């Protein structure tokens, strides 16, 4: 199966190439060094263009603080600031946008809402997150206010958010899968009108057991979405195509590669080129997201959403273990409310230990989870209960995996 190549995006690549070469910047230097002096070379020799990595962007930012050199226009043209979370690599990246590039991303988010079946002038969207410097929050808000009544929940407690959802008749909710589960414990005892829940920020929205638990708590349909601060809103789930994330094809040139060989693959690392975010573009950017690609007619879809992060996998006694796989198993047991995974590296062989909080205090879920881990992952894993309220609750990206090296 072949993904559409650069020929399909010739017109968009011409515009991108012109934007990149307007000034001396991160991308123009790289292309000139490789001999790509005009757009014909860019298209004809596409497979030879070096991939861009986050580590390279971080090094560029460190050498040219605070913005790096990826910008293609004078600094005075930029009006929007966002920042990556830094959860996987430690060092966050600052990212700027002009009004034009910001509008291009809002157009992508409006596709997300439209695919979820939201109706202009009818639906009321509740944003259940505190507004920080993360792009997904702000683009979701700015796009939503073009078409729907938007109720921001920043700065409110979970109880206050649930009360506002009920009081103001919100029909759609935007948050992370983790927070949808947490807030859902309140929702199951509250009268509300939520019909659609759009989740992002974590892979959980496409995991069957996570999705099932959220939908049962809320009595609403879950739809997944994913994006990245340095790239923008990337994909969405359609009502009539559950379990697949469709890449916004006019905004991104999509590739999938084997992370080791860097050769094209049907299942591997997602690589994106931004076709409309010209003022801070990325060319052949290795996202670090592991995906399995499938094409429906002309739509590029990611089967099962984001399967995992390349750098999240751990090897336990010879078994490759992805956090998303463990999360899906945990969520198959409704009595488990929250959990934490401890990777012990201070033993002859790395081992996993899982702490859980349960809704009942019953130790039975420990036995059930240990059995599932053994059956599915072929791992003997210690699972123990901890007192309710011991483990942290998350409304943004969860950090449930910790490493013990002492």
Protein backbone atom coordinates (compact mmCIF):
# COMPACT_ATOMS: atom_id res chain seq x y z
CA UNK A 1 0.00 0.00 0.00
CA UNK A 2 1.47 3.32 -1.10
CA UNK A 3 0.72 6.65 0.56
CA UNK A 4 0.29 9.67 -1.72
CA UNK A 5 3.73 11.06 -2.58
CA UNK A 6 4.94 14.64 -3.07
CA UNK A 7 3.57 14.80 -6.63
CA UNK A 8 0.04 14.92 -5.21
CA UNK A 9 1.01 17.95 -3.13
CA UNK A 10 3.02 19.75 -5.80
CA UNK A 11 1.08 23.03 -5.57
CA UNK A 12 1.18 23.09 -1.76
CA UNK A 13 4.91 22.24 -1.74
CA UNK A 14 5.61 25.14 -4.09
CA UNK A 15 4.00 27.54 -1.61
CA UNK A 16 5.86 25.90 1.28
CA UNK A 17 9.18 26.05 -0.58
CA UNK A 18 8.69 29.76 -1.33
CA UNK A 19 7.94 30.48 2.34
CA UNK A 20 10.99 28.55 3.53
CA UNK A 21 13.34 30.31 1.15
CA UNK A 22 12.15 33.83 1.97
CA UNK A 23 14.74 34.02 4.74
CA UNK A 24 17.66 32.25 6.36
CA UNK A 25 16.12 29.70 8.70
CA UNK A 26 16.37 26.15 10.04
CA UNK A 27 14.75 24.55 6.98
CA UNK A 28 16.32 26.73 4.27
CA UNK A 29 19.82 25.98 5.59
CA UNK A 30 19.15 22.23 5.62
CA UNK A 31 17.70 22.25 2.09
CA UNK A 32 20.54 24.34 0.67
CA UNK A 33 23.12 22.06 2.25
CA UNK A 34 21.47 19.09 0.53
CA UNK A 35 21.29 20.89 -2.83
CA UNK A 36 17.56 21.62 -2.93
CA UNK A 37 17.73 25.03 -4.53
CA UNK A 38 14.38 24.91 -6.34
CA UNK A 39 11.06 23.17 -5.82
CA UNK A 40 11.58 20.72 -8.68
CA UNK A 41 14.49 19.17 -6.78
CA UNK A 42 12.39 19.09 -3.63
CA UNK A 43 9.73 16.94 -5.27
CA UNK A 44 11.95 14.76 -7.46
CA UNK A 45 14.37 13.93 -4.64
CA UNK A 46 11.86 13.87 -1.79
CA UNK A 47 13.02 10.54 -0.36
CA UNK A 48 16.55 11.91 0.02
CA UNK A 49 15.54 14.88 2.16
CA UNK A 50 16.77 14.24 5.72
CA UNK A 51 14.16 13.71 8.41
CA UNK A 52 13.67 16.37 11.07
CA UNK A 53 13.71 15.30 14.73
CA UNK A 54 12.63 16.99 17.95
CA UNK A 55 16.20 16.67 19.24
CA UNK A 56 17.40 18.81 16.33
CA UNK A 57 14.74 21.43 17.04
CA UNK A 58 15.72 21.48 20.71
CA UNK A 59 19.39 21.89 19.82
CA UNK A 60 18.50 24.73 17.44
CA UNK A 61 16.43 26.39 20.17
CA UNK A 62 19.27 26.04 22.70
CA UNK A 63 21.78 27.58 20.28
CA UNK A 64 19.38 30.37 19.25
CA UNK A 65 17.22 31.08 22.31
CA UNK A 66 14.38 31.43 22.90
CA UNK A 67 12.65 30.78 19.54
CA UNK A 68 15.23 28.87 17.53
CA UNK A 69 15.49 29.62 13.80
CA UNK A 70 12.47 27.77 12.37
CA UNK A 71 10.53 31.04 11.86
CA UNK A 72 10.23 32.22 8.24
CA UNK A 73 8.99 35.79 8.88
CA UNK A 74 10.14 38.73 11.04
CA UNK A 75 9.36 38.24 14.74
CA UNK A 76 6.98 41.21 14.73
CA UNK A 77 4.56 39.27 12.47
CA UNK A 78 3.93 36.63 15.13
CA UNK A 79 1.07 37.01 17.60
CA UNK A 80 0.57 33.54 19.11
CA UNK A 81 2.81 31.72 21.59
CA UNK A 82 2.53 28.05 22.51
CA UNK A 83 4.86 25.54 24.13
CA UNK A 84 5.28 21.77 24.05
CA UNK A 85 4.77 19.88 27.29
CA UNK A 86 8.30 18.51 27.48
CA UNK A 87 6.96 15.34 29.15
CA UNK A 88 8.86 12.90 26.93
CA UNK A 89 12.06 14.81 26.26
CA UNK A 90 12.42 17.16 29.23
CA UNK A 91 13.05 20.39 27.32
CA UNK A 92 9.89 22.17 26.08
CA UNK A 93 9.88 23.97 22.75
CA UNK A 94 8.40 27.42 22.25
CA UNK A 95 6.37 27.72 19.05
CA UNK A 96 5.04 30.90 17.41
CA UNK A 97 2.32 31.56 14.85
CA UNK A 98 1.18 34.48 12.72
CA UNK A 99 -2.54 35.23 12.36
CA UNK A 100 -2.50 33.45 8.99
CA UNK A 101 -0.90 30.23 10.21
CA UNK A 102 -3.18 30.27 13.27
CA UNK A 103 -6.24 30.47 11.00
CA UNK A 104 -4.96 27.48 9.06
CA UNK A 105 -4.92 25.42 12.27
CA UNK A 106 -8.38 26.62 13.28
CA UNK A 107 -9.65 25.32 9.94
CA UNK A 108 -8.26 21.92 10.91
CA UNK A 109 -10.03 21.99 14.29
CA UNK A 110 -13.31 22.93 12.65
CA UNK A 111 -12.99 19.69 10.68
CA UNK A 112 -12.59 17.84 13.98
CA UNK A 113 -15.84 19.30 15.30
CA UNK A 114 -17.68 18.76 12.02
CA UNK A 115 -16.62 15.09 11.80
CA UNK A 116 -17.90 14.61 15.36
CA UNK A 117 -21.35 15.67 14.17
CA UNK A 118 -21.56 18.95 16.09
CA UNK A 119 -24.20 21.32 14.73
CA UNK A 120 -23.55 25.02 14.37
CA UNK A 121 -25.81 27.15 16.54
CA UNK A 122 -27.10 24.09 18.41
CA UNK A 123 -24.28 22.37 20.28
CA UNK A 124 -22.68 23.81 23.41
CA UNK A 125 -19.05 22.87 23.92
CA UNK A 126 -17.48 22.57 27.38
CA UNK A 127 -13.68 22.76 27.51
CA UNK A 128 -12.61 20.92 30.65
CA UNK A 129 -9.01 22.00 31.01
CA UNK A 130 -6.95 24.79 32.52
CA UNK A 131 -5.61 27.05 29.81
CA UNK A 132 -1.82 26.90 29.75
CA UNK A 133 0.64 27.38 26.89
CA UNK A 134 -0.45 24.24 25.03
CA UNK A 135 -1.64 24.67 21.46
CA UNK A 136 -4.47 22.14 21.55
CA UNK A 137 -6.34 24.09 24.24
CA UNK A 138 -6.26 27.41 22.44
CA UNK A 139 -6.90 26.16 18.91
CA UNK A 140 -9.87 24.10 20.13
CA UNK A 141 -11.33 27.16 21.88
CA UNK A 142 -10.74 29.60 19.01
CA UNK A 143 -12.18 27.19 16.46
CA UNK A 144 -15.21 26.29 18.58
CA UNK A 145 -16.30 29.89 19.19
CA UNK A 146 -16.74 30.36 15.44
CA UNK A 147 -19.68 27.95 15.38
CA UNK A 148 -20.87 26.97 18.87
CA UNK A 149 -21.61 28.34 22.31
CA UNK A 150 -18.39 27.62 24.23
CA UNK A 151 -18.16 27.22 28.01
CA UNK A 152 -14.54 27.34 29.25
CA UNK A 153 -13.84 25.40 32.45
CA UNK A 154 -10.33 26.65 33.19
CA UNK A 155 -9.54 27.19 36.88
CA UNK A 156 -12.61 25.31 38.12
CA UNK A 157 -12.60 22.23 40.31
CA UNK A 158 -14.01 19.00 38.89
CA UNK A 159 -17.16 19.48 40.96
CA UNK A 160 -17.61 23.03 39.67
CA UNK A 161 -17.03 21.89 36.09
CA UNK A 162 -19.62 19.15 36.40
CA UNK A 163 -22.09 21.63 37.87
CA UNK A 164 -21.47 24.03 34.96
CA UNK A 165 -21.90 21.24 32.40
CA UNK A 166 -25.28 20.46 33.92
CA UNK A 167 -26.42 24.04 34.54
CA UNK A 168 -25.58 25.41 31.08
CA UNK A 169 -26.70 22.38 29.09
CA UNK A 170 -23.36 21.51 27.49
CA UNK A 171 -23.79 18.88 24.78
CA UNK A 172 -20.12 18.26 23.89
CA UNK A 173 -17.05 17.90 26.08
CA UNK A 174 -13.37 18.31 25.17
CA UNK A 175 -10.68 16.91 27.48
CA UNK A 176 -8.07 14.15 27.81
CA UNK A 177 -9.19 10.51 28.11
CA UNK A 178 -7.81 10.39 31.65
CA UNK A 179 -9.85 13.40 32.73
CA UNK A 180 -12.97 12.09 30.99
CA UNK A 181 -12.68 9.00 33.20
CA UNK A 182 -12.09 11.08 36.33
CA UNK A 183 -14.91 13.55 35.64
CA UNK A 184 -17.10 10.63 34.61
CA UNK A 185 -17.20 9.42 38.21
CA UNK A 186 -19.15 12.60 38.94
CA UNK A 187 -21.12 12.48 35.70
CA UNK A 188 -22.69 9.11 36.45
CA UNK A 189 -24.50 10.68 39.42
CA UNK A 190 -25.37 13.99 37.71
CA UNK A 191 -28.05 14.95 35.21
CA UNK A 192 -26.34 16.28 32.07
CA UNK A 193 -26.84 16.58 28.29
CA UNK A 194 -23.37 15.56 27.05
CA UNK A 195 -23.73 13.56 23.85
CA UNK A 196 -20.22 13.76 22.34
CA UNK A 197 -16.82 13.65 24.07
CA UNK A 198 -13.80 14.64 21.97
CA UNK A 199 -10.62 13.43 23.63
CA UNK A 200 -6.97 14.16 22.83
CA UNK A 201 -3.54 14.43 24.46
CA UNK A 202 -3.18 10.68 25.10
CA UNK A 203 -3.67 7.48 23.07
CA UNK A 204 -6.58 6.30 25.26
CA UNK A 205 -9.38 7.62 23.04
CA UNK A 206 -8.84 4.85 20.50
CA UNK A 207 -8.26 2.03 23.00
CA UNK A 208 -11.43 -0.11 23.12
CA UNK A 209 -11.57 -0.59 26.90
CA UNK A 210 -10.79 3.05 27.68
CA UNK A 211 -13.41 4.22 25.20
CA UNK A 212 -15.98 1.75 26.55
CA UNK A 213 -15.46 2.86 30.15
CA UNK A 214 -15.80 6.56 29.26
CA UNK A 215 -18.94 5.95 27.21
CA UNK A 216 -20.55 3.90 29.98
CA UNK A 217 -19.80 6.57 32.60
CA UNK A 218 -21.23 9.38 30.49
CA UNK A 219 -23.76 7.67 28.24
CA UNK A 220 -22.14 9.59 25.38
CA UNK A 221 -20.14 8.89 22.21
CA UNK A 222 -16.34 9.21 22.41
CA UNK A 223 -14.39 10.54 19.41
CA UNK A 224 -10.61 10.63 19.29
CA UNK A 225 -8.34 13.37 17.95
CA UNK A 226 -4.60 13.93 17.95
CA UNK A 227 -2.17 16.73 17.25
CA UNK A 228 1.13 18.24 18.34
CA UNK A 229 2.12 21.76 19.32
CA UNK A 230 5.00 21.87 16.83
CA UNK A 231 2.83 20.46 14.01
CA UNK A 232 -0.79 21.39 14.77
CA UNK A 233 -4.14 19.52 14.77
CA UNK A 234 -3.42 16.39 12.71
CA UNK A 235 -6.29 13.88 12.69
CA UNK A 236 -9.89 13.25 13.70
CA UNK A 237 -12.39 10.44 14.08
CA UNK A 238 -15.58 10.31 12.06
CA UNK A 239 -18.89 9.15 13.50
CA UNK A 240 -19.23 6.58 10.71
CA UNK A 241 -15.65 5.28 10.99
CA UNK A 242 -14.99 4.43 14.65
CA UNK A 243 -11.51 3.31 15.62
CA UNK A 244 -9.76 5.22 12.84
CA UNK A 245 -8.12 8.64 12.94
CA UNK A 246 -8.27 10.40 9.57
CA UNK A 247 -5.32 12.66 8.77
CA UNK A 248 -6.29 16.13 7.55
CA UNK A 249 -4.89 15.51 4.09
CA UNK A 250 -4.77 19.04 2.73
CA UNK A 251 -2.75 20.20 5.75
CA UNK A 252 -0.16 17.41 5.97
CA UNK A 253 1.96 15.28 3.67
CA UNK A 254 1.93 11.96 5.49
CA UNK A 255 4.58 9.23 5.61
CA UNK A 256 5.07 6.16 7.80
CA UNK A 257 8.53 4.67 8.30
CA UNK A 258 10.17 1.81 10.14
CA UNK A 259 11.89 3.58 13.09
CA UNK A 260 15.00 1.41 12.71
CA UNK A 261 15.49 1.20 8.94
CA UNK A 262 13.80 4.54 8.10
CA UNK A 263 12.17 2.82 5.11
CA UNK A 264 8.47 3.19 4.22
CA UNK A 265 6.19 0.88 6.22
CA UNK A 266 2.49 0.25 6.79
CA UNK A 267 3.06 0.17 10.54
CA UNK A 268 5.71 2.38 12.09
CA UNK A 269 6.54 5.99 12.97
CA UNK A 270 4.36 8.80 11.66
CA UNK A 271 6.24 11.45 9.65
CA UNK A 272 4.54 14.74 8.75
CA UNK A 273 5.26 17.75 6.57
CA UNK A 274 3.19 20.84 7.37
CA UNK A 275 1.62 22.21 4.19
CA UNK A 276 -0.23 25.23 5.58
CA UNK A 277 1.68 26.34 8.67
CA UNK A 278 4.21 28.20 6.53
CA UNK A 279 5.51 30.60 9.17
CA UNK A 280 7.00 27.82 11.33
CA UNK A 281 7.07 24.84 8.95
CA UNK A 282 8.43 21.36 9.49
CA UNK A 283 9.58 19.10 6.67
CA UNK A 284 9.57 15.31 7.12
CA UNK A 285 9.15 15.62 10.88
CA UNK A 286 9.49 12.39 12.85
CA UNK A 287 6.62 12.70 15.31
CA UNK A 288 7.58 9.77 17.53
CA UNK A 289 4.03 8.38 17.20
CA UNK A 290 3.64 4.72 16.25
CA UNK A 291 0.72 4.10 13.88
CA UNK A 292 -0.77 1.55 11.48
CA UNK A 293 -1.93 3.22 8.30
CA UNK A 294 -4.95 2.29 6.19
CA UNK A 295 -6.40 4.06 3.16
CA UNK A 296 -10.17 4.41 2.62
CA UNK A 297 -10.71 5.71 -0.92
CA UNK A 298 -8.45 8.80 -0.71
CA UNK A 299 -8.51 9.20 3.06
CA UNK A 300 -5.32 8.37 5.00
CA UNK A 301 -6.38 6.80 8.30
CA UNK A 302 -4.56 5.54 11.38
CA UNK A 303 -6.08 2.24 12.46
CA UNK A 304 -6.50 2.16 16.24
CA UNK A 305 -5.36 5.78 16.53
CA UNK A 306 -1.92 6.41 18.02
CA UNK A 307 -0.69 2.98 19.06
CA UNK A 308 2.17 4.21 21.24
CA UNK A 309 5.13 6.56 21.47
CA UNK A 310 8.44 5.27 20.11
CA UNK A 311 10.25 6.32 23.29
CA UNK A 312 7.62 4.94 25.71
CA UNK A 313 8.30 1.25 25.19
CA UNK A 314 10.07 -0.65 27.98
CA UNK A 315 11.53 -4.15 27.82
CA UNK A 316 10.54 -6.35 30.76
CA UNK A 317 12.19 -9.78 30.80
CA UNK A 318 12.45 -9.74 27.02
CA UNK A 319 8.88 -8.55 26.42
CA UNK A 320 8.22 -5.24 24.67
CA UNK A 321 5.66 -3.41 26.81
CA UNK A 322 3.83 -0.27 25.68
CA UNK A 323 1.98 1.94 28.19
CA UNK A 324 -1.05 2.00 25.90
CA UNK A 325 -1.34 -1.81 26.05
CA UNK A 326 -1.19 -1.77 29.86
CA UNK A 327 -3.72 1.08 29.97
CA UNK A 328 -6.15 -0.87 27.82
CA UNK A 329 -5.88 -3.90 30.13
CA UNK A 330 -6.35 -1.80 33.27
CA UNK A 331 -9.45 -0.15 31.80
CA UNK A 332 -10.99 -3.54 31.08
CA UNK A 333 -11.59 -3.81 34.86
CA UNK A 334 -14.23 -1.19 35.82
CA UNK A 335 -13.45 -1.40 39.55
CA UNK A 336 -9.99 0.16 38.98
CA UNK A 337 -10.34 3.93 39.29
CA UNK A 338 -6.68 5.00 39.02
CA UNK A 339 -3.29 3.34 38.72
CA UNK A 340 0.48 3.86 38.64
CA UNK A 341 3.17 1.68 37.05
CA UNK A 342 6.60 1.46 38.68
CA UNK A 343 9.46 0.17 36.53
CA UNK A 344 12.08 -1.32 38.86
CA UNK A 345 15.55 -1.11 37.30
CA UNK A 346 17.40 -1.91 40.52
CA UNK A 347 16.94 -5.66 40.23
CA UNK A 348 18.77 -8.37 38.25
CA UNK A 349 16.05 -7.99 35.57
CA UNK A 350 13.70 -5.04 35.06
CA UNK A 351 10.30 -5.63 36.64
CA UNK A 352 6.90 -3.94 36.68
CA UNK A 353 4.83 -3.19 39.75
CA UNK A 354 1.35 -1.69 39.48
CA UNK A 355 -0.45 0.24 42.20
CA UNK A 356 -4.22 0.62 41.85
CA UNK A 357 -7.02 2.51 43.52
CA UNK A 358 -10.37 0.75 43.38
CA UNK A 359 -13.92 1.98 43.69
CA UNK A 360 -14.72 -0.73 46.23
CA UNK A 361 -11.54 -1.36 48.19
CA UNK A 362 -11.90 -5.01 47.20
CA UNK A 363 -8.53 -6.72 46.47
CA UNK A 364 -10.16 -8.87 43.76
CA UNK A 365 -9.23 -6.44 40.91
CA UNK A 366 -5.54 -7.08 41.73
CA UNK A 367 -5.93 -10.76 40.94
CA UNK A 368 -7.94 -9.99 37.79
CA UNK A 369 -5.31 -7.55 36.46
CA UNK A 370 -2.42 -9.88 37.26
CA UNK A 371 -4.18 -12.61 35.30
CA UNK A 372 -4.82 -10.34 32.28
CA UNK A 373 -1.19 -9.19 32.21
CA UNK A 374 -0.08 -12.82 32.28
CA UNK A 375 -2.50 -13.89 29.55
CA UNK A 376 -1.99 -10.96 27.15
CA UNK A 377 1.61 -9.86 27.75
CA UNK A 378 2.99 -13.12 29.20
CA UNK A 379 4.26 -11.20 32.24
CA UNK A 380 4.01 -11.99 35.92
CA UNK A 381 3.39 -8.58 37.47
CA UNK A 382 2.86 -7.55 41.08
CA UNK A 383 -0.39 -5.59 41.50
CA UNK A 384 -1.37 -4.07 44.83
CA UNK A 385 -4.07 -1.72 46.09
CA UNK A 386 -3.27 1.62 47.71
CA UNK A 387 -5.62 3.80 49.79
CA UNK A 388 -8.12 5.88 47.85
CA UNK A 389 -6.71 9.34 47.11
CA UNK A 390 -3.09 8.17 47.17
CA UNK A 391 -2.49 8.44 43.42
CA UNK A 392 -2.51 11.76 41.56
CA UNK A 393 -5.40 12.73 39.28
CA UNK A 394 -4.68 14.32 35.90
CA UNK A 395 -6.58 16.71 33.65
CA UNK A 396 -3.75 17.10 31.11
CA UNK A 397 -1.32 14.40 29.99
CA UNK A 398 -1.08 11.68 32.60
CA UNK A 399 2.29 10.56 34.01
CA UNK A 400 1.46 7.17 35.39
CA UNK A 401 4.78 5.47 34.67
CA UNK A 402 7.69 6.08 37.06
CA UNK A 403 11.14 4.51 37.19
CA UNK A 404 12.84 3.25 40.34
CA UNK A 405 16.60 2.98 39.79
CA UNK A 406 17.69 3.00 43.45
